[in-house]
Amino acid sequence: MSNKSGDDSQPIRAGFIGCGTIASSIASGLANPNHTEFLSQNSLVLSSIHVTRRSESRSSQLKQSYPNVVTVCETAKE
């Protein structure tokens, strides 16, 4: 499977129901630009992270910190 950039990296699409301490920590780790090289070395690329707005402060902070990757959903059905 090729991603948008045309290479053979596998896209990671992560989703979290709720956005508590553990989910926000994992999402931050995945979205951190310093993690990009590690993913690339393993033929992976972060495509998107979806979190539900269970913890307004954490989900908003993730969206603000990583606006190109994080999407905040109102419900898990989105």
C-alpha atoms as a PDB file:
ATOM      1  CA  MET A   1       0.000   0.000   0.000  1.00  0.00           C
ATOM      2  CA  SER A   2       1.377   3.376  -0.950  1.00  0.00           C
ATOM      3  CA  ASN A   3       0.677   6.520   1.002  1.00  0.00           C
ATOM      4  CA  LYS A   4       0.203  10.059  -0.304  1.00  0.00           C
ATOM      5  CA  SER A   5       3.941  10.607  -0.727  1.00  0.00           C
ATOM      6  CA  GLY A   6       4.185   7.618  -3.082  1.00  0.00           C
ATOM      7  CA  ASP A   7       6.538   5.478  -1.018  1.00  0.00           C
ATOM      8  CA  ASP A   8       5.812   2.041   0.441  1.00  0.00           C
ATOM      9  CA  SER A   9       5.326   3.196   4.037  1.00  0.00           C
ATOM     10  CA  GLN A  10       2.307   1.814   5.839  1.00  0.00           C
ATOM     11  CA  PRO A  11       0.002   4.513   7.219  1.00  0.00           C
ATOM     12  CA  ILE A  12      -0.907   4.515  10.889  1.00  0.00           C
ATOM     13  CA  ARG A  13      -4.451   5.647  11.647  1.00  0.00           C
ATOM     14  CA  ALA A  14      -4.965   5.670  15.401  1.00  0.00           C
ATOM     15  CA  GLY A  15      -8.180   6.248  17.297  1.00  0.00           C
ATOM     16  CA  PHE A  16      -8.881   6.620  20.993  1.00  0.00           C
ATOM     17  CA  ILE A  17     -12.243   6.489  22.716  1.00  0.00           C
ATOM     18  CA  GLY A  18     -11.767   8.964  25.473  1.00  0.00           C
ATOM     19  CA  CYS A  19      -8.730  11.111  25.897  1.00  0.00           C
ATOM     20  CA  GLY A  20      -7.428  10.435  29.380  1.00  0.00           C
ATOM     21  CA  THR A  21      -3.873  10.268  30.633  1.00  0.00           C
ATOM     22  CA  ILE A  22      -2.879   7.096  28.789  1.00  0.00           C
ATOM     23  CA  ALA A  23      -4.595   7.874  25.475  1.00  0.00           C
ATOM     24  CA  SER A  24      -3.267  11.437  25.367  1.00  0.00           C
ATOM     25  CA  SER A  25       0.255  10.224  26.188  1.00  0.00           C
ATOM     26  CA  ILE A  26       0.198   7.628  23.408  1.00  0.00           C
ATOM     27  CA  ALA A  27      -1.275  10.122  20.931  1.00  0.00           C
ATOM     28  CA  SER A  28       1.353  12.727  21.856  1.00  0.00           C
ATOM     29  CA  GLY A  29       4.118  10.190  21.430  1.00  0.00           C
ATOM     30  CA  LEU A  30       2.872   9.150  17.995  1.00  0.00           C
ATOM     31  CA  ALA A  31       2.345  12.727  16.818  1.00  0.00           C
ATOM     32  CA  ASN A  32       5.628  14.092  18.152  1.00  0.00           C
ATOM     33  CA  PRO A  33       7.825  15.156  15.216  1.00  0.00           C
ATOM     34  CA  ASN A  34      10.816  13.485  16.888  1.00  0.00           C
ATOM     35  CA  HIS A  35       9.024  10.145  16.403  1.00  0.00           C
ATOM     36  CA  THR A  36       8.800  10.583  12.620  1.00  0.00           C
ATOM     37  CA  GLU A  37      12.307   9.223  12.008  1.00  0.00           C
ATOM     38  CA  PHE A  38      11.602   6.078  14.051  1.00  0.00           C
ATOM     39  CA  LEU A  39       8.383   5.461  12.125  1.00  0.00           C
ATOM     40  CA  SER A  40      10.147   6.027   8.810  1.00  0.00           C
ATOM     41  CA  GLN A  41      12.909   3.563   9.691  1.00  0.00           C
ATOM     42  CA  ASN A  42      10.171   0.980  10.237  1.00  0.00           C
ATOM     43  CA  SER A  43       8.335   1.788   6.973  1.00  0.00           C
ATOM     44  CA  LEU A  44       5.499   3.542   8.802  1.00  0.00           C
ATOM     45  CA  VAL A  45       3.994   7.009   8.493  1.00  0.00           C
ATOM     46  CA  LEU A  46       1.454   8.645  10.793  1.00  0.00           C
ATOM     47  CA  SER A  47      -1.694   9.361   8.814  1.00  0.00           C
ATOM     48  CA  SER A  48      -4.148  10.515  11.487  1.00  0.00           C
ATOM     49  CA  ILE A  49      -5.147  10.356  15.120  1.00  0.00           C
ATOM     50  CA  HIS A  50      -8.795  10.606  16.161  1.00  0.00           C
ATOM     51  CA  VAL A  51      -9.773  11.163  19.795  1.00  0.00           C
ATOM     52  CA  THR A  52     -13.180  11.652  21.375  1.00  0.00           C
ATOM     53  CA  ARG A  53     -13.842  14.789  23.330  1.00  0.00           C
ATOM     54  CA  ARG A  54     -14.221  13.006  26.655  1.00  0.00           C
ATOM     55  CA  SER A  55     -11.577  15.142  28.348  1.00  0.00           C
ATOM     56  CA  GLU A  56     -12.049  18.597  26.831  1.00  0.00           C
ATOM     57  CA  SER A  57      -8.726  19.957  28.083  1.00  0.00           C
ATOM     58  CA  ARG A  58      -6.623  17.028  26.859  1.00  0.00           C
ATOM     59  CA  SER A  59      -8.323  16.632  23.504  1.00  0.00           C
ATOM     60  CA  SER A  60      -8.133  20.387  22.830  1.00  0.00           C
ATOM     61  CA  GLN A  61      -4.465  20.494  23.783  1.00  0.00           C
ATOM     62  CA  LEU A  62      -3.685  17.595  21.421  1.00  0.00           C
ATOM     63  CA  LYS A  63      -5.520  19.325  18.564  1.00  0.00           C
ATOM     64  CA  GLN A  64      -3.679  22.581  19.273  1.00  0.00           C
ATOM     65  CA  SER A  65      -0.271  20.865  19.499  1.00  0.00           C
ATOM     66  CA  TYR A  66      -0.703  18.647  16.410  1.00  0.00           C
ATOM     67  CA  PRO A  67      -3.342  20.311  14.188  1.00  0.00           C
ATOM     68  CA  ASN A  68      -2.318  18.483  11.009  1.00  0.00           C
ATOM     69  CA  VAL A  69      -2.696  15.031  12.557  1.00  0.00           C
ATOM     70  CA  VAL A  70      -5.249  15.136  15.390  1.00  0.00           C
ATOM     71  CA  THR A  71      -9.006  15.240  14.857  1.00  0.00           C
ATOM     72  CA  VAL A  72     -11.315  15.612  17.844  1.00  0.00           C
ATOM     73  CA  CYS A  73     -14.621  13.751  17.471  1.00  0.00           C
ATOM     74  CA  GLU A  74     -17.767  14.371  19.471  1.00  0.00           C
ATOM     75  CA  THR A  75     -18.631  10.669  19.628  1.00  0.00           C
ATOM     76  CA  ALA A  76     -16.958   7.332  18.972  1.00  0.00           C
ATOM     77  CA  LYS A  77     -19.280   6.804  15.976  1.00  0.00           C
ATOM     78  CA  GLU A  78     -17.513   9.549  14.027  1.00  0.00           C
END
